[in-house]
Amino acid sequence: MEPTPPSGPARGRDPSEWKRAAALFALLLAFSTISPMVLVGLPFVLLVLVLPIRRLGALGLAAVVLILTIGGSPPSGLWYAERGWALLVGGWFVAVTLRWPDTRFATRALGSALGALATAVLFFSARPMAWAVLDWRFGERIRAGVGTALVAIETLQGEGGVSSALREAVYTTAETQSVLLPALVGLSSMAALGVGWWLYVRVAQGRQGALGPLKDFRFNDHLVWLFVAGLLALIVGTEDLWTRAGSNAVLFMGALYALRGAAVVLFINGGISALGVVAVTLGMIFLAPALLLGALVIGLGDTWLDLRTRAARSSDTSR
């Protein structure tokens, strides 16, 4: 059975779809601790090689992407880890797409990210020292990146440099990012799969409809228990391992529920205007914690109340 884009029309013009792909790429840049080129490129190559294609030019693009992703700096531990993860999550996505080709993209991407994370956990459970080394190497990369950024800021500011408070805050953020590495990798992988799937459908299939509108974003309601389990591990966990596992589960599922809450708001409001985009942008600059918490609460509420179905029924009744 030939996979077709599961959300939206398989053919037909959707002028907003490229904006969704651009938004996913922006999220990828925000969350990623792995090379965005690798996270997008290798899953795209797998999709072109395994799934049907209608344009031979896709093979040429896949070859170029493959050269770019496997070339560059000499191989190191992180080099192999990044590409191994991208192949793992891309392989899961291809397998899920072959098995359930008509399922929404968000469902397949979430299932692939969770499947890849579970596979990695099983692998590193058998080789805990490998995880310790890899975790340390990624932490060193994050801290090195922060150090480089601080040096650049000091160079631009000249005399005075960076205040000790700002320096401490930046390094604290870097340490937090290191602790939350698994969740950040999972979220960035979902965003990367979205960009790779969009490229495959547009370039290899010559279609649109790969990415549905945000207002339709949802996932299996039973995943709320992963969020609950993370909260319990974070609150009552007495060991660093459980605390870290809980914080990663809360961040990963919390981000998805906040996105689901935003989808509910968009559905009920019928979209968002240009003025609304400006208002949300300003709100994220000055009131980000409050907005994200509100979206999280709405997303969690949608799990039990199915707010969009209720809103649709209410709208039909009022007509």
C-alpha atoms as a PDB file:
ATOM      1  CA  MET A   1       0.000   0.000   0.000  1.00  0.00           C
ATOM      2  CA  GLU A   2       1.469   3.327  -1.034  1.00  0.00           C
ATOM      3  CA  PRO A   3       1.793   5.780   1.848  1.00  0.00           C
ATOM      4  CA  THR A   4      -0.062   9.044   1.321  1.00  0.00           C
ATOM      5  CA  PRO A   5      -0.084  12.122   3.488  1.00  0.00           C
ATOM      6  CA  PRO A   6      -2.502  11.230   6.266  1.00  0.00           C
ATOM      7  CA  SER A   7      -3.705  14.714   7.125  1.00  0.00           C
ATOM      8  CA  GLY A   8      -5.126  17.157   4.656  1.00  0.00           C
ATOM      9  CA  PRO A   9      -5.620  16.594   0.945  1.00  0.00           C
ATOM     10  CA  ALA A  10      -3.085  14.424  -0.808  1.00  0.00           C
ATOM     11  CA  ARG A  11      -3.230  16.784  -3.753  1.00  0.00           C
ATOM     12  CA  GLY A  12      -4.266  20.377  -3.916  1.00  0.00           C
ATOM     13  CA  ARG A  13      -2.747  23.660  -3.007  1.00  0.00           C
ATOM     14  CA  ASP A  14      -2.078  24.538   0.627  1.00  0.00           C
ATOM     15  CA  PRO A  15      -0.199  27.862   0.779  1.00  0.00           C
ATOM     16  CA  SER A  16       0.248  27.601   4.559  1.00  0.00           C
ATOM     17  CA  GLU A  17       2.069  24.270   4.543  1.00  0.00           C
ATOM     18  CA  TRP A  18       5.511  25.734   3.964  1.00  0.00           C
ATOM     19  CA  LYS A  19       4.935  27.953   7.011  1.00  0.00           C
ATOM     20  CA  ARG A  20       4.282  24.835   9.108  1.00  0.00           C
ATOM     21  CA  ALA A  21       7.506  23.291   7.837  1.00  0.00           C
ATOM     22  CA  ALA A  22       9.373  26.529   8.612  1.00  0.00           C
ATOM     23  CA  ALA A  23       7.881  26.595  12.123  1.00  0.00           C
ATOM     24  CA  LEU A  24       8.991  23.002  12.707  1.00  0.00           C
ATOM     25  CA  PHE A  25      12.491  23.862  11.513  1.00  0.00           C
ATOM     26  CA  ALA A  26      12.548  26.821  13.924  1.00  0.00           C
ATOM     27  CA  LEU A  27      11.535  24.481  16.767  1.00  0.00           C
ATOM     28  CA  LEU A  28      14.272  22.092  15.645  1.00  0.00           C
ATOM     29  CA  LEU A  29      16.862  24.854  15.918  1.00  0.00           C
ATOM     30  CA  ALA A  30      15.514  25.848  19.345  1.00  0.00           C
ATOM     31  CA  PHE A  31      15.536  22.342  20.869  1.00  0.00           C
ATOM     32  CA  SER A  32      18.271  20.510  18.997  1.00  0.00           C
ATOM     33  CA  THR A  33      21.544  19.460  20.575  1.00  0.00           C
ATOM     34  CA  ILE A  34      22.215  17.362  17.457  1.00  0.00           C
ATOM     35  CA  SER A  35      23.075  18.720  14.017  1.00  0.00           C
ATOM     36  CA  PRO A  36      19.789  19.763  12.324  1.00  0.00           C
ATOM     37  CA  MET A  37      21.201  18.667   8.962  1.00  0.00           C
ATOM     38  CA  VAL A  38      21.723  15.146  10.300  1.00  0.00           C
ATOM     39  CA  LEU A  39      18.342  14.951  12.062  1.00  0.00           C
ATOM     40  CA  VAL A  40      16.453  16.037   8.940  1.00  0.00           C
ATOM     41  CA  GLY A  41      18.722  14.593   6.274  1.00  0.00           C
ATOM     42  CA  LEU A  42      19.113  10.937   7.245  1.00  0.00           C
ATOM     43  CA  PRO A  43      15.367  10.277   7.828  1.00  0.00           C
ATOM     44  CA  PHE A  44      14.699  11.974   4.477  1.00  0.00           C
ATOM     45  CA  VAL A  45      17.232   9.680   2.777  1.00  0.00           C
ATOM     46  CA  LEU A  46      15.574   6.620   4.349  1.00  0.00           C
ATOM     47  CA  LEU A  47      12.144   7.776   3.205  1.00  0.00           C
ATOM     48  CA  VAL A  48      13.355   8.232  -0.377  1.00  0.00           C
ATOM     49  CA  LEU A  49      15.132   4.869  -0.452  1.00  0.00           C
ATOM     50  CA  VAL A  50      12.334   2.796   1.128  1.00  0.00           C
ATOM     51  CA  LEU A  51       9.017   4.457   0.254  1.00  0.00           C
ATOM     52  CA  PRO A  52       7.686   4.945  -3.297  1.00  0.00           C
ATOM     53  CA  ILE A  53       8.878   7.974  -5.248  1.00  0.00           C
ATOM     54  CA  ARG A  54       7.384   9.633  -8.319  1.00  0.00           C
ATOM     55  CA  ARG A  55      10.210  12.034  -9.117  1.00  0.00           C
ATOM     56  CA  LEU A  56      13.675  10.692  -9.851  1.00  0.00           C
ATOM     57  CA  GLY A  57      15.164  14.027  -8.814  1.00  0.00           C
ATOM     58  CA  ALA A  58      14.487  12.982  -5.228  1.00  0.00           C
ATOM     59  CA  LEU A  59      17.220  10.350  -5.563  1.00  0.00           C
ATOM     60  CA  GLY A  60      19.702  13.028  -6.585  1.00  0.00           C
ATOM     61  CA  LEU A  61      18.729  15.227  -3.646  1.00  0.00           C
ATOM     62  CA  ALA A  62      18.973  12.250  -1.290  1.00  0.00           C
ATOM     63  CA  ALA A  63      22.473  11.507  -2.591  1.00  0.00           C
ATOM     64  CA  VAL A  64      23.555  15.116  -1.978  1.00  0.00           C
ATOM     65  CA  VAL A  65      22.034  15.087   1.512  1.00  0.00           C
ATOM     66  CA  LEU A  66      23.764  11.787   2.303  1.00  0.00           C
ATOM     67  CA  ILE A  67      27.149  13.182   1.241  1.00  0.00           C
ATOM     68  CA  LEU A  68      26.619  16.282   3.376  1.00  0.00           C
ATOM     69  CA  THR A  69      25.566  14.305   6.442  1.00  0.00           C
ATOM     70  CA  ILE A  70      28.343  11.723   6.366  1.00  0.00           C
ATOM     71  CA  GLY A  71      31.092  14.135   5.302  1.00  0.00           C
ATOM     72  CA  GLY A  72      32.707  16.968   7.193  1.00  0.00           C
ATOM     73  CA  SER A  73      34.776  16.601  10.336  1.00  0.00           C
ATOM     74  CA  PRO A  74      36.595  13.315  11.074  1.00  0.00           C
ATOM     75  CA  PRO A  75      34.407  10.710  12.789  1.00  0.00           C
ATOM     76  CA  SER A  76      34.297  10.808  16.581  1.00  0.00           C
ATOM     77  CA  GLY A  77      32.102   9.362  19.291  1.00  0.00           C
ATOM     78  CA  LEU A  78      29.526  12.127  18.946  1.00  0.00           C
ATOM     79  CA  TRP A  79      29.681  11.884  15.136  1.00  0.00           C
ATOM     80  CA  TYR A  80      28.577   8.258  15.288  1.00  0.00           C
ATOM     81  CA  ALA A  81      26.058   8.913  18.066  1.00  0.00           C
ATOM     82  CA  GLU A  82      24.309  11.695  16.136  1.00  0.00           C
ATOM     83  CA  ARG A  83      24.030   9.698  12.935  1.00  0.00           C
ATOM     84  CA  GLY A  84      23.113   6.524  14.763  1.00  0.00           C
ATOM     85  CA  TRP A  85      20.240   8.305  16.502  1.00  0.00           C
ATOM     86  CA  ALA A  86      19.035   9.924  13.267  1.00  0.00           C
ATOM     87  CA  LEU A  87      19.017   6.522  11.547  1.00  0.00           C
ATOM     88  CA  LEU A  88      17.230   4.962  14.526  1.00  0.00           C
ATOM     89  CA  VAL A  89      14.420   7.505  14.707  1.00  0.00           C
ATOM     90  CA  GLY A  90      14.205   7.648  10.906  1.00  0.00           C
ATOM     91  CA  GLY A  91      13.997   3.862  10.713  1.00  0.00           C
ATOM     92  CA  TRP A  92      11.202   3.839  13.273  1.00  0.00           C
ATOM     93  CA  PHE A  93       9.335   6.486  11.276  1.00  0.00           C
ATOM     94  CA  VAL A  94       9.669   4.554   8.025  1.00  0.00           C
ATOM     95  CA  ALA A  95       8.506   1.339   9.720  1.00  0.00           C
ATOM     96  CA  VAL A  96       5.503   3.040  11.342  1.00  0.00           C
ATOM     97  CA  THR A  97       4.595   4.720   8.044  1.00  0.00           C
ATOM     98  CA  LEU A  98       4.730   1.398   6.204  1.00  0.00           C
ATOM     99  CA  ARG A  99       2.562  -0.254   8.862  1.00  0.00           C
ATOM    100  CA  TRP A 100       0.034   2.572   9.298  1.00  0.00           C
ATOM    101  CA  PRO A 101       0.315   4.750   6.169  1.00  0.00           C
ATOM    102  CA  ASP A 102      -2.983   6.599   6.685  1.00  0.00           C
ATOM    103  CA  THR A 103      -2.286   7.663  10.271  1.00  0.00           C
ATOM    104  CA  ARG A 104      -1.746  11.342  11.044  1.00  0.00           C
ATOM    105  CA  PHE A 105       1.827  12.540  10.843  1.00  0.00           C
ATOM    106  CA  ALA A 106       1.862  13.688  14.481  1.00  0.00           C
ATOM    107  CA  THR A 107       0.871  10.208  15.668  1.00  0.00           C
ATOM    108  CA  ARG A 108       3.565   8.526  13.586  1.00  0.00           C
ATOM    109  CA  ALA A 109       6.241  11.040  14.621  1.00  0.00           C
ATOM    110  CA  LEU A 110       5.409  10.710  18.321  1.00  0.00           C
ATOM    111  CA  GLY A 111       5.339   6.926  18.097  1.00  0.00           C
ATOM    112  CA  SER A 112       8.682   6.934  16.289  1.00  0.00           C
ATOM    113  CA  ALA A 113      10.328   9.241  18.842  1.00  0.00           C
ATOM    114  CA  LEU A 114       9.042   7.163  21.767  1.00  0.00           C
ATOM    115  CA  GLY A 115      10.055   3.931  20.030  1.00  0.00           C
ATOM    116  CA  ALA A 116      13.555   5.241  19.365  1.00  0.00           C
ATOM    117  CA  LEU A 117      13.879   6.489  22.957  1.00  0.00           C
ATOM    118  CA  ALA A 118      12.748   3.102  24.292  1.00  0.00           C
ATOM    119  CA  THR A 119      15.264   1.344  22.031  1.00  0.00           C
ATOM    120  CA  ALA A 120      18.050   3.621  23.257  1.00  0.00           C
ATOM    121  CA  VAL A 121      17.077   2.993  26.883  1.00  0.00           C
ATOM    122  CA  LEU A 122      17.262  -0.774  26.342  1.00  0.00           C
ATOM    123  CA  PHE A 123      20.644  -0.453  24.635  1.00  0.00           C
ATOM    124  CA  PHE A 124      22.174   1.764  27.316  1.00  0.00           C
ATOM    125  CA  SER A 125      20.676  -0.363  30.097  1.00  0.00           C
ATOM    126  CA  ALA A 126      22.914  -3.148  28.849  1.00  0.00           C
ATOM    127  CA  ARG A 127      25.881  -0.759  28.452  1.00  0.00           C
ATOM    128  CA  PRO A 128      25.583   1.905  31.182  1.00  0.00           C
ATOM    129  CA  MET A 129      29.171   3.080  30.790  1.00  0.00           C
ATOM    130  CA  ALA A 130      28.509   3.898  27.142  1.00  0.00           C
ATOM    131  CA  TRP A 131      25.667   6.187  28.215  1.00  0.00           C
ATOM    132  CA  ALA A 132      27.827   7.819  30.895  1.00  0.00           C
ATOM    133  CA  VAL A 133      30.511   8.647  28.336  1.00  0.00           C
ATOM    134  CA  LEU A 134      27.998   9.867  25.738  1.00  0.00           C
ATOM    135  CA  ASP A 135      26.124  11.968  28.295  1.00  0.00           C
ATOM    136  CA  TRP A 136      29.382  13.561  29.410  1.00  0.00           C
ATOM    137  CA  ARG A 137      30.450  14.298  25.816  1.00  0.00           C
ATOM    138  CA  PHE A 138      27.157  15.991  24.972  1.00  0.00           C
ATOM    139  CA  GLY A 139      27.374  17.988  28.202  1.00  0.00           C
ATOM    140  CA  GLU A 140      30.868  19.120  27.247  1.00  0.00           C
ATOM    141  CA  ARG A 141      29.607  20.198  23.827  1.00  0.00           C
ATOM    142  CA  ILE A 142      26.802  22.235  25.400  1.00  0.00           C
ATOM    143  CA  ARG A 143      29.165  23.899  27.868  1.00  0.00           C
ATOM    144  CA  ALA A 144      31.687  24.613  25.110  1.00  0.00           C
ATOM    145  CA  GLY A 145      28.990  26.235  23.012  1.00  0.00           C
ATOM    146  CA  VAL A 146      27.939  28.416  25.924  1.00  0.00           C
ATOM    147  CA  GLY A 147      31.549  29.400  26.558  1.00  0.00           C
ATOM    148  CA  THR A 148      32.008  30.395  22.919  1.00  0.00           C
ATOM    149  CA  ALA A 149      28.834  32.483  23.014  1.00  0.00           C
ATOM    150  CA  LEU A 150      29.982  34.288  26.170  1.00  0.00           C
ATOM    151  CA  VAL A 151      33.371  35.068  24.601  1.00  0.00           C
ATOM    152  CA  ALA A 152      31.598  36.505  21.547  1.00  0.00           C
ATOM    153  CA  ILE A 153      29.363  38.666  23.756  1.00  0.00           C
ATOM    154  CA  GLU A 154      32.351  39.924  25.718  1.00  0.00           C
ATOM    155  CA  THR A 155      34.138  40.804  22.479  1.00  0.00           C
ATOM    156  CA  LEU A 156      31.153  42.805  21.255  1.00  0.00           C
ATOM    157  CA  GLN A 157      30.583  44.596  24.561  1.00  0.00           C
ATOM    158  CA  GLY A 158      34.184  45.589  25.083  1.00  0.00           C
ATOM    159  CA  GLU A 159      34.944  46.923  28.548  1.00  0.00           C
ATOM    160  CA  GLY A 160      32.779  45.587  31.320  1.00  0.00           C
ATOM    161  CA  GLY A 161      32.130  42.311  29.560  1.00  0.00           C
ATOM    162  CA  VAL A 162      29.449  39.970  30.826  1.00  0.00           C
ATOM    163  CA  SER A 163      28.177  40.404  34.373  1.00  0.00           C
ATOM    164  CA  SER A 164      28.770  37.592  36.829  1.00  0.00           C
ATOM    165  CA  ALA A 165      25.001  37.176  37.305  1.00  0.00           C
ATOM    166  CA  LEU A 166      24.430  36.719  33.577  1.00  0.00           C
ATOM    167  CA  ARG A 167      27.378  34.344  33.317  1.00  0.00           C
ATOM    168  CA  GLU A 168      26.053  32.225  36.175  1.00  0.00           C
ATOM    169  CA  ALA A 169      22.558  32.192  34.668  1.00  0.00           C
ATOM    170  CA  VAL A 170      23.882  31.090  31.289  1.00  0.00           C
ATOM    171  CA  TYR A 171      25.940  28.261  32.752  1.00  0.00           C
ATOM    172  CA  THR A 172      22.996  27.160  34.904  1.00  0.00           C
ATOM    173  CA  THR A 173      20.870  27.017  31.762  1.00  0.00           C
ATOM    174  CA  ALA A 174      23.554  24.936  30.068  1.00  0.00           C
ATOM    175  CA  GLU A 175      23.615  22.455  32.967  1.00  0.00           C
ATOM    176  CA  THR A 176      19.815  22.217  32.865  1.00  0.00           C
ATOM    177  CA  GLN A 177      19.968  21.587  29.143  1.00  0.00           C
ATOM    178  CA  SER A 178      22.455  18.774  29.759  1.00  0.00           C
ATOM    179  CA  VAL A 179      20.138  17.140  32.308  1.00  0.00           C
ATOM    180  CA  LEU A 180      17.161  17.423  29.947  1.00  0.00           C
ATOM    181  CA  LEU A 181      19.108  16.102  26.958  1.00  0.00           C
ATOM    182  CA  PRO A 182      16.845  13.050  26.259  1.00  0.00           C
ATOM    183  CA  ALA A 183      13.661  15.146  26.211  1.00  0.00           C
ATOM    184  CA  LEU A 184      15.251  17.816  24.010  1.00  0.00           C
ATOM    185  CA  VAL A 185      16.495  15.159  21.591  1.00  0.00           C
ATOM    186  CA  GLY A 186      13.015  13.605  21.464  1.00  0.00           C
ATOM    187  CA  LEU A 187      11.281  16.929  20.774  1.00  0.00           C
ATOM    188  CA  SER A 188      13.834  18.021  18.176  1.00  0.00           C
ATOM    189  CA  SER A 189      13.550  14.617  16.492  1.00  0.00           C
ATOM    190  CA  MET A 190       9.788  15.028  16.095  1.00  0.00           C
ATOM    191  CA  ALA A 191      10.316  18.464  14.542  1.00  0.00           C
ATOM    192  CA  ALA A 192      13.021  17.073  12.250  1.00  0.00           C
ATOM    193  CA  LEU A 193      10.753  14.220  11.135  1.00  0.00           C
ATOM    194  CA  GLY A 194       8.152  16.823  10.196  1.00  0.00           C
ATOM    195  CA  VAL A 195      10.608  18.689   7.987  1.00  0.00           C
ATOM    196  CA  GLY A 196      11.924  15.453   6.463  1.00  0.00           C
ATOM    197  CA  TRP A 197       8.405  14.126   5.786  1.00  0.00           C
ATOM    198  CA  TRP A 198       7.385  17.432   4.212  1.00  0.00           C
ATOM    199  CA  LEU A 199      10.462  17.310   1.951  1.00  0.00           C
ATOM    200  CA  TYR A 200       9.717  13.708   0.962  1.00  0.00           C
ATOM    201  CA  VAL A 201       6.074  14.391   0.087  1.00  0.00           C
ATOM    202  CA  ARG A 202       6.893  17.578  -1.823  1.00  0.00           C
ATOM    203  CA  VAL A 203      10.064  16.416  -3.619  1.00  0.00           C
ATOM    204  CA  ALA A 204       9.595  12.664  -4.055  1.00  0.00           C
ATOM    205  CA  GLN A 205       5.789  12.506  -4.344  1.00  0.00           C
ATOM    206  CA  GLY A 206       5.114  15.935  -5.826  1.00  0.00           C
ATOM    207  CA  ARG A 207       2.196  16.437  -3.442  1.00  0.00           C
ATOM    208  CA  GLN A 208       1.030  18.651  -0.644  1.00  0.00           C
ATOM    209  CA  GLY A 209      -0.829  17.779   2.525  1.00  0.00           C
ATOM    210  CA  ALA A 210       2.095  16.250   4.421  1.00  0.00           C
ATOM    211  CA  LEU A 211       1.566  18.456   7.473  1.00  0.00           C
ATOM    212  CA  GLY A 212      -1.921  19.173   8.749  1.00  0.00           C
ATOM    213  CA  PRO A 213      -2.877  22.439  10.471  1.00  0.00           C
ATOM    214  CA  LEU A 214      -1.914  22.929  14.110  1.00  0.00           C
ATOM    215  CA  LYS A 215      -5.566  23.148  15.165  1.00  0.00           C
ATOM    216  CA  ASP A 216      -5.913  19.420  14.442  1.00  0.00           C
ATOM    217  CA  PHE A 217      -2.881  18.392  16.520  1.00  0.00           C
ATOM    218  CA  ARG A 218      -3.648  15.606  19.013  1.00  0.00           C
ATOM    219  CA  PHE A 219      -2.234  12.292  20.175  1.00  0.00           C
ATOM    220  CA  ASN A 220      -3.257   9.218  22.143  1.00  0.00           C
ATOM    221  CA  ASP A 221      -4.970  10.231  25.392  1.00  0.00           C
ATOM    222  CA  HIS A 222      -3.372   7.360  27.307  1.00  0.00           C
ATOM    223  CA  LEU A 223       0.001   9.112  27.056  1.00  0.00           C
ATOM    224  CA  VAL A 224      -1.169  11.370  29.864  1.00  0.00           C
ATOM    225  CA  TRP A 225       0.010   8.611  32.206  1.00  0.00           C
ATOM    226  CA  LEU A 226       3.563   9.132  30.996  1.00  0.00           C
ATOM    227  CA  PHE A 227       3.250  12.749  32.100  1.00  0.00           C
ATOM    228  CA  VAL A 228       1.749  11.670  35.448  1.00  0.00           C
ATOM    229  CA  ALA A 229       4.493   9.072  35.977  1.00  0.00           C
ATOM    230  CA  GLY A 230       7.105  11.733  35.264  1.00  0.00           C
ATOM    231  CA  LEU A 231       5.554  14.043  37.841  1.00  0.00           C
ATOM    232  CA  LEU A 232       5.522  11.279  40.459  1.00  0.00           C
ATOM    233  CA  ALA A 233       9.156  10.366  39.752  1.00  0.00           C
ATOM    234  CA  LEU A 234      10.119  14.043  39.961  1.00  0.00           C
ATOM    235  CA  ILE A 235       8.256  14.608  43.252  1.00  0.00           C
ATOM    236  CA  VAL A 236       8.910  11.407  45.194  1.00  0.00           C
ATOM    237  CA  GLY A 237      12.086  10.176  43.501  1.00  0.00           C
ATOM    238  CA  THR A 238      14.938   9.850  45.978  1.00  0.00           C
ATOM    239  CA  GLU A 239      17.689   9.048  43.478  1.00  0.00           C
ATOM    240  CA  ASP A 240      19.174  11.231  40.760  1.00  0.00           C
ATOM    241  CA  LEU A 241      18.257   8.653  38.128  1.00  0.00           C
ATOM    242  CA  TRP A 242      14.534   8.809  38.927  1.00  0.00           C
ATOM    243  CA  THR A 243      14.570  12.580  39.274  1.00  0.00           C
ATOM    244  CA  ARG A 244      16.229  12.980  35.907  1.00  0.00           C
ATOM    245  CA  ALA A 245      13.886  10.487  34.256  1.00  0.00           C
ATOM    246  CA  GLY A 246      10.893  12.306  35.732  1.00  0.00           C
ATOM    247  CA  SER A 247      12.060  15.755  34.649  1.00  0.00           C
ATOM    248  CA  ASN A 248      12.655  14.529  31.091  1.00  0.00           C
ATOM    249  CA  ALA A 249       9.237  12.866  30.919  1.00  0.00           C
ATOM    250  CA  VAL A 250       7.549  16.026  32.233  1.00  0.00           C
ATOM    251  CA  LEU A 251       9.381  18.258  29.744  1.00  0.00           C
ATOM    252  CA  PHE A 252       8.739  15.977  26.767  1.00  0.00           C
ATOM    253  CA  MET A 253       5.044  15.393  27.414  1.00  0.00           C
ATOM    254  CA  GLY A 254       4.533  18.876  28.858  1.00  0.00           C
ATOM    255  CA  ALA A 255       5.751  20.477  25.639  1.00  0.00           C
ATOM    256  CA  LEU A 256       3.415  18.263  23.609  1.00  0.00           C
ATOM    257  CA  TYR A 257       0.457  19.062  25.861  1.00  0.00           C
ATOM    258  CA  ALA A 258       1.222  22.787  25.641  1.00  0.00           C
ATOM    259  CA  LEU A 259       1.186  22.436  21.847  1.00  0.00           C
ATOM    260  CA  ARG A 260      -2.091  20.533  22.104  1.00  0.00           C
ATOM    261  CA  GLY A 261      -3.506  23.345  24.226  1.00  0.00           C
ATOM    262  CA  ALA A 262      -2.491  25.869  21.573  1.00  0.00           C
ATOM    263  CA  ALA A 263      -4.234  23.668  18.987  1.00  0.00           C
ATOM    264  CA  VAL A 264      -7.441  23.745  21.036  1.00  0.00           C
ATOM    265  CA  VAL A 265      -7.347  27.541  21.259  1.00  0.00           C
ATOM    266  CA  LEU A 266      -6.760  27.863  17.511  1.00  0.00           C
ATOM    267  CA  PHE A 267      -9.630  25.452  16.789  1.00  0.00           C
ATOM    268  CA  ILE A 268     -12.089  27.309  19.000  1.00  0.00           C
ATOM    269  CA  ASN A 269     -11.022  30.739  17.687  1.00  0.00           C
ATOM    270  CA  GLY A 270     -11.080  29.563  14.081  1.00  0.00           C
ATOM    271  CA  GLY A 271      -7.443  30.465  13.491  1.00  0.00           C
ATOM    272  CA  ILE A 272      -5.239  33.411  14.366  1.00  0.00           C
ATOM    273  CA  SER A 273      -4.926  36.857  12.813  1.00  0.00           C
ATOM    274  CA  ALA A 274      -1.775  38.848  12.170  1.00  0.00           C
ATOM    275  CA  LEU A 275      -2.564  40.912  15.268  1.00  0.00           C
ATOM    276  CA  GLY A 276      -2.929  37.683  17.224  1.00  0.00           C
ATOM    277  CA  VAL A 277       0.517  36.533  16.084  1.00  0.00           C
ATOM    278  CA  VAL A 278       1.998  39.813  17.320  1.00  0.00           C
ATOM    279  CA  ALA A 279       0.171  39.481  20.649  1.00  0.00           C
ATOM    280  CA  VAL A 280       1.376  35.895  21.133  1.00  0.00           C
ATOM    281  CA  THR A 281       4.943  36.878  20.248  1.00  0.00           C
ATOM    282  CA  LEU A 282       4.936  39.703  22.790  1.00  0.00           C
ATOM    283  CA  GLY A 283       3.324  37.388  25.333  1.00  0.00           C
ATOM    284  CA  MET A 284       6.073  34.799  24.840  1.00  0.00           C
ATOM    285  CA  ILE A 285       8.680  37.499  25.386  1.00  0.00           C
ATOM    286  CA  PHE A 286       7.211  38.918  28.603  1.00  0.00           C
ATOM    287  CA  LEU A 287       4.803  36.256  29.930  1.00  0.00           C
ATOM    288  CA  ALA A 288       6.149  32.977  28.558  1.00  0.00           C
ATOM    289  CA  PRO A 289       5.758  30.908  31.777  1.00  0.00           C
ATOM    290  CA  ALA A 290       2.116  31.957  32.234  1.00  0.00           C
ATOM    291  CA  LEU A 291       1.216  31.335  28.576  1.00  0.00           C
ATOM    292  CA  LEU A 292       2.918  27.946  28.498  1.00  0.00           C
ATOM    293  CA  LEU A 293       1.293  26.888  31.770  1.00  0.00           C
ATOM    294  CA  GLY A 294      -2.115  27.943  30.467  1.00  0.00           C
ATOM    295  CA  ALA A 295      -1.606  26.017  27.233  1.00  0.00           C
ATOM    296  CA  LEU A 296      -0.449  22.982  29.226  1.00  0.00           C
ATOM    297  CA  VAL A 297      -3.584  23.044  31.396  1.00  0.00           C
ATOM    298  CA  ILE A 298      -5.828  23.340  28.327  1.00  0.00           C
ATOM    299  CA  GLY A 299      -3.976  20.499  26.599  1.00  0.00           C
ATOM    300  CA  LEU A 300      -4.314  18.253  29.636  1.00  0.00           C
ATOM    301  CA  GLY A 301      -7.992  19.170  29.931  1.00  0.00           C
ATOM    302  CA  ASP A 302      -8.543  18.211  26.313  1.00  0.00           C
ATOM    303  CA  THR A 303      -7.461  14.675  27.219  1.00  0.00           C
ATOM    304  CA  TRP A 304     -10.585  14.128  29.313  1.00  0.00           C
ATOM    305  CA  LEU A 305     -13.017  16.755  27.999  1.00  0.00           C
ATOM    306  CA  ASP A 306     -12.313  16.580  24.238  1.00  0.00           C
ATOM    307  CA  LEU A 307     -12.814  20.336  24.010  1.00  0.00           C
ATOM    308  CA  ARG A 308     -12.745  20.526  20.218  1.00  0.00           C
ATOM    309  CA  THR A 309     -15.544  18.006  19.799  1.00  0.00           C
ATOM    310  CA  ARG A 310     -17.620  19.867  22.381  1.00  0.00           C
ATOM    311  CA  ALA A 311     -16.950  23.191  20.633  1.00  0.00           C
ATOM    312  CA  ALA A 312     -17.923  21.699  17.253  1.00  0.00           C
ATOM    313  CA  ARG A 313     -21.169  20.304  18.648  1.00  0.00           C
ATOM    314  CA  SER A 314     -21.977  23.595  20.332  1.00  0.00           C
ATOM    315  CA  SER A 315     -21.368  25.440  17.072  1.00  0.00           C
ATOM    316  CA  ASP A 316     -23.614  23.024  15.145  1.00  0.00           C
ATOM    317  CA  THR A 317     -26.372  23.378  17.750  1.00  0.00           C
ATOM    318  CA  SER A 318     -26.294  27.179  17.639  1.00  0.00           C
ATOM    319  CA  ARG A 319     -26.822  27.263  13.876  1.00  0.00           C
END
